């Protein structure tokens, strides 16, 4: 499966433009949950995807829908 391209996102937490990508966490023996990864590694909320972090899966809704449709067609 191809990687989802990065998107630019204006983050209010760090007050700057960051790069975000859709990723899947790795788990032994299967597929992990999807999450939004941010390029700002110094942010205290990096990897949390919980408030006050503004990153949610909704930012990649179209890409997630496309993945679901591809799986259905396989």
PDB file of N, CA and C in Angstrom:
ATOM      1  N   UNK A   1       0.847  -1.184   0.000  1.00  0.00           N
ATOM      2  CA  UNK A   1       0.000   0.000   0.000  1.00  0.00           C
ATOM      3  C   UNK A   1       0.888   1.242   0.000  1.00  0.00           C
ATOM      4  N   UNK A   2       0.508   2.221  -0.783  1.00  0.00           N
ATOM      5  CA  UNK A   2       1.310   3.431  -0.886  1.00  0.00           C
ATOM      6  C   UNK A   2       1.149   4.304   0.350  1.00  0.00           C
ATOM      7  N   UNK A   3       2.162   5.109   0.591  1.00  0.00           N
ATOM      8  CA  UNK A   3       2.118   6.026   1.729  1.00  0.00           C
ATOM      9  C   UNK A   3       1.276   7.242   1.392  1.00  0.00           C
ATOM     10  N   UNK A   4       0.598   7.755   2.392  1.00  0.00           N
ATOM     11  CA  UNK A   4      -0.186   8.969   2.222  1.00  0.00           C
ATOM     12  C   UNK A   4       0.769  10.155   2.193  1.00  0.00           C
ATOM     13  N   UNK A   5       0.627  11.047   1.214  1.00  0.00           N
ATOM     14  CA  UNK A   5       1.524  12.204   1.158  1.00  0.00           C
ATOM     15  C   UNK A   5       1.330  13.126   2.361  1.00  0.00           C
ATOM     16  N   UNK A   6       2.388  13.845   2.691  1.00  0.00           N
ATOM     17  CA  UNK A   6       2.330  14.794   3.803  1.00  0.00           C
ATOM     18  C   UNK A   6       1.483  16.002   3.414  1.00  0.00           C
ATOM     19  N   UNK A   7       0.882  16.607   4.428  1.00  0.00           N
ATOM     20  CA  UNK A   7       0.102  17.833   4.246  1.00  0.00           C
ATOM     21  C   UNK A   7       0.689  18.911   5.144  1.00  0.00           C
ATOM     22  N   UNK A   8       0.577  20.149   4.712  1.00  0.00           N
ATOM     23  CA  UNK A   8       0.953  21.272   5.566  1.00  0.00           C
ATOM     24  C   UNK A   8      -0.236  21.606   6.455  1.00  0.00           C
ATOM     25  N   UNK A   9       0.063  21.992   7.702  1.00  0.00           N
ATOM     26  CA  UNK A   9      -0.998  22.273   8.663  1.00  0.00           C
ATOM     27  C   UNK A   9      -0.529  23.384   9.592  1.00  0.00           C
ATOM     28  N   UNK A  10      -1.355  24.411   9.752  1.00  0.00           N
ATOM     29  CA  UNK A  10      -1.042  25.501  10.679  1.00  0.00           C
ATOM     30  C   UNK A  10      -1.457  25.084  12.084  1.00  0.00           C
ATOM     31  N   UNK A  11      -0.478  24.826  12.931  1.00  0.00           N
ATOM     32  CA  UNK A  11      -0.744  24.347  14.286  1.00  0.00           C
ATOM     33  C   UNK A  11      -0.774  25.517  15.265  1.00  0.00           C
ATOM     34  N   UNK A  12      -1.867  25.636  16.003  1.00  0.00           N
ATOM     35  CA  UNK A  12      -1.994  26.703  16.993  1.00  0.00           C
ATOM     36  C   UNK A  12      -1.188  26.410  18.253  1.00  0.00           C
ATOM     37  N   UNK A  13      -0.890  25.144  18.521  1.00  0.00           N
ATOM     38  CA  UNK A  13      -0.143  24.783  19.729  1.00  0.00           C
ATOM     39  C   UNK A  13       1.294  25.291  19.645  1.00  0.00           C
ATOM     40  N   UNK A  14       1.942  25.091  18.496  1.00  0.00           N
ATOM     41  CA  UNK A  14       3.330  25.544  18.329  1.00  0.00           C
ATOM     42  C   UNK A  14       3.418  26.848  17.537  1.00  0.00           C
ATOM     43  N   UNK A  15       2.283  27.350  17.094  1.00  0.00           N
ATOM     44  CA  UNK A  15       2.190  28.620  16.357  1.00  0.00           C
ATOM     45  C   UNK A  15       3.067  28.653  15.114  1.00  0.00           C
ATOM     46  N   UNK A  16       3.045  27.567  14.368  1.00  0.00           N
ATOM     47  CA  UNK A  16       3.780  27.528  13.106  1.00  0.00           C
ATOM     48  C   UNK A  16       3.212  26.450  12.195  1.00  0.00           C
ATOM     49  N   UNK A  17       3.665  26.475  10.949  1.00  0.00           N
ATOM     50  CA  UNK A  17       3.257  25.484   9.969  1.00  0.00           C
ATOM     51  C   UNK A  17       4.051  24.202  10.219  1.00  0.00           C
ATOM     52  N   UNK A  18       3.347  23.076  10.252  1.00  0.00           N
ATOM     53  CA  UNK A  18       3.987  21.773  10.440  1.00  0.00           C
ATOM     54  C   UNK A  18       3.579  20.862   9.289  1.00  0.00           C
ATOM     55  N   UNK A  19       4.258  19.758   9.168  1.00  0.00           N
ATOM     56  CA  UNK A  19       3.939  18.756   8.167  1.00  0.00           C
ATOM     57  C   UNK A  19       3.289  17.579   8.890  1.00  0.00           C
ATOM     58  N   UNK A  20       2.148  17.105   8.376  1.00  0.00           N
ATOM     59  CA  UNK A  20       1.455  15.987   9.017  1.00  0.00           C
ATOM     60  C   UNK A  20       1.271  14.855   8.015  1.00  0.00           C
ATOM     61  N   UNK A  21       1.296  13.632   8.513  1.00  0.00           N
ATOM     62  CA  UNK A  21       1.094  12.454   7.684  1.00  0.00           C
ATOM     63  C   UNK A  21       0.223  11.453   8.424  1.00  0.00           C
ATOM     64  N   UNK A  22      -0.466  10.634   7.663  1.00  0.00           N
ATOM     65  CA  UNK A  22      -1.291   9.570   8.227  1.00  0.00           C
ATOM     66  C   UNK A  22      -0.421   8.331   8.367  1.00  0.00           C
ATOM     67  N   UNK A  23      -0.389   7.759   9.547  1.00  0.00           N
ATOM     68  CA  UNK A  23       0.432   6.581   9.819  1.00  0.00           C
ATOM     69  C   UNK A  23      -0.396   5.526  10.539  1.00  0.00           C
ATOM     70  N   UNK A  24       0.131   4.318  10.538  1.00  0.00           N
ATOM     71  CA  UNK A  24      -0.488   3.218  11.275  1.00  0.00           C
ATOM     72  C   UNK A  24       0.520   2.751  12.316  1.00  0.00           C
ATOM     73  N   UNK A  25       0.080   2.655  13.567  1.00  0.00           N
ATOM     74  CA  UNK A  25       0.975   2.182  14.619  1.00  0.00           C
ATOM     75  C   UNK A  25       1.304   0.714  14.366  1.00  0.00           C
ATOM     76  N   UNK A  26       2.470   0.305  14.801  1.00  0.00           N
ATOM     77  CA  UNK A  26       2.882  -1.077  14.590  1.00  0.00           C
ATOM     78  C   UNK A  26       2.555  -1.912  15.821  1.00  0.00           C
ATOM     79  N   UNK A  27       1.966  -3.057  15.570  1.00  0.00           N
ATOM     80  CA  UNK A  27       1.659  -4.012  16.630  1.00  0.00           C
ATOM     81  C   UNK A  27       2.067  -5.394  16.149  1.00  0.00           C
ATOM     82  N   UNK A  28       2.429  -6.232  17.072  1.00  0.00           N
ATOM     83  CA  UNK A  28       2.836  -7.591  16.719  1.00  0.00           C
ATOM     84  C   UNK A  28       1.614  -8.388  16.277  1.00  0.00           C
ATOM     85  N   UNK A  29       1.727  -8.996  15.113  1.00  0.00           N
ATOM     86  CA  UNK A  29       0.680  -9.883  14.634  1.00  0.00           C
ATOM     87  C   UNK A  29      -0.521  -9.213  14.000  1.00  0.00           C
ATOM     88  N   UNK A  30      -0.404  -7.966  13.572  1.00  0.00           N
ATOM     89  CA  UNK A  30      -1.554  -7.349  12.927  1.00  0.00           C
ATOM     90  C   UNK A  30      -1.356  -5.882  12.635  1.00  0.00           C
ATOM     91  N   UNK A  31      -2.443  -5.255  12.261  1.00  0.00           N
ATOM     92  CA  UNK A  31      -2.416  -3.831  11.934  1.00  0.00           C
ATOM     93  C   UNK A  31      -2.808  -3.012  13.154  1.00  0.00           C
ATOM     94  N   UNK A  32      -2.054  -1.955  13.391  1.00  0.00           N
ATOM     95  CA  UNK A  32      -2.362  -1.068  14.502  1.00  0.00           C
ATOM     96  C   UNK A  32      -3.339   0.016  14.088  1.00  0.00           C
ATOM     97  N   UNK A  33      -3.627   0.896  15.020  1.00  0.00           N
ATOM     98  CA  UNK A  33      -4.562   1.989  14.778  1.00  0.00           C
ATOM     99  C   UNK A  33      -3.911   3.070  13.931  1.00  0.00           C
ATOM    100  N   UNK A  34      -4.742   3.758  13.155  1.00  0.00           N
ATOM    101  CA  UNK A  34      -4.270   4.913  12.399  1.00  0.00           C
ATOM    102  C   UNK A  34      -4.094   6.091  13.348  1.00  0.00           C
ATOM    103  N   UNK A  35      -3.103   6.936  13.051  1.00  0.00           N
ATOM    104  CA  UNK A  35      -2.903   8.160  13.807  1.00  0.00           C
ATOM    105  C   UNK A  35      -2.269   9.197  12.896  1.00  0.00           C
ATOM    106  N   UNK A  36      -2.303  10.456  13.315  1.00  0.00           N
ATOM    107  CA  UNK A  36      -1.707  11.541  12.550  1.00  0.00           C
ATOM    108  C   UNK A  36      -0.359  11.863  13.176  1.00  0.00           C
ATOM    109  N   UNK A  37       0.696  11.781  12.354  1.00  0.00           N
ATOM    110  CA  UNK A  37       2.043  12.061  12.826  1.00  0.00           C
ATOM    111  C   UNK A  37       2.431  13.475  12.413  1.00  0.00           C
ATOM    112  N   UNK A  38       3.022  14.199  13.340  1.00  0.00           N
ATOM    113  CA  UNK A  38       3.412  15.589  13.127  1.00  0.00           C
ATOM    114  C   UNK A  38       4.928  15.693  13.020  1.00  0.00           C
ATOM    115  N   UNK A  39       5.399  16.662  12.245  1.00  0.00           N
ATOM    116  CA  UNK A  39       6.839  16.863  12.078  1.00  0.00           C
ATOM    117  C   UNK A  39       7.474  17.618  13.242  1.00  0.00           C
ATOM    118  N   UNK A  40       6.665  18.205  14.117  1.00  0.00           N
ATOM    119  CA  UNK A  40       7.188  19.016  15.230  1.00  0.00           C
ATOM    120  C   UNK A  40       7.495  18.113  16.422  1.00  0.00           C
ATOM    121  N   UNK A  41       8.703  17.584  16.456  1.00  0.00           N
ATOM    122  CA  UNK A  41       9.071  16.616  17.487  1.00  0.00           C
ATOM    123  C   UNK A  41       9.252  17.236  18.867  1.00  0.00           C
ATOM    124  N   UNK A  42       9.453  18.554  18.937  1.00  0.00           N
ATOM    125  CA  UNK A  42       9.638  19.212  20.226  1.00  0.00           C
ATOM    126  C   UNK A  42       8.318  19.534  20.927  1.00  0.00           C
ATOM    127  N   UNK A  43       7.199  19.312  20.265  1.00  0.00           N
ATOM    128  CA  UNK A  43       5.897  19.590  20.868  1.00  0.00           C
ATOM    129  C   UNK A  43       5.611  18.563  21.961  1.00  0.00           C
ATOM    130  N   UNK A  44       5.098  19.031  23.087  1.00  0.00           N
ATOM    131  CA  UNK A  44       4.810  18.112  24.193  1.00  0.00           C
ATOM    132  C   UNK A  44       3.653  17.167  23.892  1.00  0.00           C
ATOM    133  N   UNK A  45       2.872  17.462  22.851  1.00  0.00           N
ATOM    134  CA  UNK A  45       1.727  16.622  22.512  1.00  0.00           C
ATOM    135  C   UNK A  45       1.993  15.708  21.319  1.00  0.00           C
ATOM    136  N   UNK A  46       3.241  15.666  20.824  1.00  0.00           N
ATOM    137  CA  UNK A  46       3.548  14.866  19.642  1.00  0.00           C
ATOM    138  C   UNK A  46       3.161  13.407  19.893  1.00  0.00           C
ATOM    139  N   UNK A  47       2.444  12.842  18.946  1.00  0.00           N
ATOM    140  CA  UNK A  47       2.009  11.457  19.056  1.00  0.00           C
ATOM    141  C   UNK A  47       0.759  11.246  19.881  1.00  0.00           C
ATOM    142  N   UNK A  48       0.237  12.297  20.500  1.00  0.00           N
ATOM    143  CA  UNK A  48      -0.927  12.134  21.371  1.00  0.00           C
ATOM    144  C   UNK A  48      -2.236  12.127  20.591  1.00  0.00           C
ATOM    145  N   UNK A  49      -2.377  13.031  19.624  1.00  0.00           N
ATOM    146  CA  UNK A  49      -3.632  13.205  18.886  1.00  0.00           C
ATOM    147  C   UNK A  49      -4.812  13.379  19.834  1.00  0.00           C
ATOM    148  N   UNK A  50      -4.574  14.052  20.950  1.00  0.00           N
ATOM    149  CA  UNK A  50      -5.613  14.340  21.935  1.00  0.00           C
ATOM    150  C   UNK A  50      -5.538  15.820  22.290  1.00  0.00           C
ATOM    151  N   UNK A  51      -6.675  16.434  22.655  1.00  0.00           N
ATOM    152  CA  UNK A  51      -6.663  17.858  23.000  1.00  0.00           C
ATOM    153  C   UNK A  51      -5.625  18.161  24.075  1.00  0.00           C
ATOM    154  N   UNK A  52      -4.960  19.292  23.966  1.00  0.00           N
ATOM    155  CA  UNK A  52      -5.192  20.405  23.053  1.00  0.00           C
ATOM    156  C   UNK A  52      -4.560  20.241  21.675  1.00  0.00           C
ATOM    157  N   UNK A  53      -3.959  19.104  21.378  1.00  0.00           N
ATOM    158  CA  UNK A  53      -3.411  18.869  20.041  1.00  0.00           C
ATOM    159  C   UNK A  53      -4.561  18.874  19.033  1.00  0.00           C
ATOM    160  N   UNK A  54      -4.456  19.681  17.970  1.00  0.00           N
ATOM    161  CA  UNK A  54      -5.556  19.779  17.005  1.00  0.00           C
ATOM    162  C   UNK A  54      -5.583  18.663  15.961  1.00  0.00           C
ATOM    163  N   UNK A  55      -4.633  17.736  16.016  1.00  0.00           N
ATOM    164  CA  UNK A  55      -4.560  16.695  14.992  1.00  0.00           C
ATOM    165  C   UNK A  55      -5.568  15.585  15.266  1.00  0.00           C
ATOM    166  N   UNK A  56      -6.389  15.311  14.260  1.00  0.00           N
ATOM    167  CA  UNK A  56      -7.369  14.232  14.346  1.00  0.00           C
ATOM    168  C   UNK A  56      -7.390  13.484  13.020  1.00  0.00           C
ATOM    169  N   UNK A  57      -7.950  12.304  13.029  1.00  0.00           N
ATOM    170  CA  UNK A  57      -8.072  11.528  11.796  1.00  0.00           C
ATOM    171  C   UNK A  57      -8.978  12.214  10.781  1.00  0.00           C
ATOM    172  N   UNK A  58      -9.834  13.127  11.236  1.00  0.00           N
ATOM    173  CA  UNK A  58     -10.713  13.858  10.318  1.00  0.00           C
ATOM    174  C   UNK A  58      -9.918  14.639   9.272  1.00  0.00           C
ATOM    175  N   UNK A  59      -8.684  15.008   9.585  1.00  0.00           N
ATOM    176  CA  UNK A  59      -7.843  15.736   8.632  1.00  0.00           C
ATOM    177  C   UNK A  59      -7.490  14.869   7.424  1.00  0.00           C
ATOM    178  N   UNK A  60      -7.635  13.560   7.562  1.00  0.00           N
ATOM    179  CA  UNK A  60      -7.329  12.619   6.481  1.00  0.00           C
ATOM    180  C   UNK A  60      -8.552  11.773   6.123  1.00  0.00           C
ATOM    181  N   UNK A  61      -9.738  12.316   6.294  1.00  0.00           N
ATOM    182  CA  UNK A  61     -10.973  11.560   6.055  1.00  0.00           C
ATOM    183  C   UNK A  61     -11.045  11.002   4.636  1.00  0.00           C
ATOM    184  N   UNK A  62     -10.674  11.801   3.641  1.00  0.00           N
ATOM    185  CA  UNK A  62     -10.741  11.343   2.247  1.00  0.00           C
ATOM    186  C   UNK A  62      -9.768  10.192   2.005  1.00  0.00           C
ATOM    187  N   UNK A  63      -8.569  10.293   2.557  1.00  0.00           N
ATOM    188  CA  UNK A  63      -7.571   9.245   2.379  1.00  0.00           C
ATOM    189  C   UNK A  63      -7.993   7.949   3.067  1.00  0.00           C
ATOM    190  N   UNK A  64      -8.585   8.066   4.246  1.00  0.00           N
ATOM    191  CA  UNK A  64      -9.058   6.885   4.971  1.00  0.00           C
ATOM    192  C   UNK A  64     -10.184   6.215   4.198  1.00  0.00           C
ATOM    193  N   UNK A  65     -11.096   7.014   3.662  1.00  0.00           N
ATOM    194  CA  UNK A  65     -12.195   6.475   2.860  1.00  0.00           C
ATOM    195  C   UNK A  65     -11.653   5.740   1.639  1.00  0.00           C
ATOM    196  N   UNK A  66     -10.647   6.317   0.990  1.00  0.00           N
ATOM    197  CA  UNK A  66     -10.041   5.685  -0.184  1.00  0.00           C
ATOM    198  C   UNK A  66      -9.415   4.338   0.184  1.00  0.00           C
ATOM    199  N   UNK A  67      -8.737   4.274   1.319  1.00  0.00           N
ATOM    200  CA  UNK A  67      -8.144   3.010   1.773  1.00  0.00           C
ATOM    201  C   UNK A  67      -9.215   1.958   2.018  1.00  0.00           C
ATOM    202  N   UNK A  68     -10.318   2.369   2.626  1.00  0.00           N
ATOM    203  CA  UNK A  68     -11.403   1.429   2.910  1.00  0.00           C
ATOM    204  C   UNK A  68     -11.999   0.887   1.611  1.00  0.00           C
ATOM    205  N   UNK A  69     -12.158   1.754   0.620  1.00  0.00           N
ATOM    206  CA  UNK A  69     -12.706   1.326  -0.664  1.00  0.00           C
ATOM    207  C   UNK A  69     -11.751   0.375  -1.378  1.00  0.00           C
ATOM    208  N   UNK A  70     -10.450   0.628  -1.293  1.00  0.00           N
ATOM    209  CA  UNK A  70      -9.468  -0.256  -1.916  1.00  0.00           C
ATOM    210  C   UNK A  70      -9.504  -1.639  -1.281  1.00  0.00           C
ATOM    211  N   UNK A  71      -9.639  -1.692   0.026  1.00  0.00           N
ATOM    212  CA  UNK A  71      -9.706  -2.988   0.718  1.00  0.00           C
ATOM    213  C   UNK A  71     -10.957  -3.756   0.327  1.00  0.00           C
ATOM    214  N   UNK A  72     -12.062  -3.033   0.166  1.00  0.00           N
ATOM    215  CA  UNK A  72     -13.315  -3.666  -0.216  1.00  0.00           C
ATOM    216  C   UNK A  72     -13.211  -4.278  -1.612  1.00  0.00           C
ATOM    217  N   UNK A  73     -12.459  -3.607  -2.497  1.00  0.00           N
ATOM    218  CA  UNK A  73     -12.326  -4.061  -3.879  1.00  0.00           C
ATOM    219  C   UNK A  73     -11.345  -5.220  -4.035  1.00  0.00           C
ATOM    220  N   UNK A  74     -10.538  -5.486  -3.029  1.00  0.00           N
ATOM    221  CA  UNK A  74      -9.528  -6.564  -3.133  1.00  0.00           C
ATOM    222  C   UNK A  74     -10.140  -7.930  -2.989  1.00  0.00           C
TER     223      UNK A  74
END
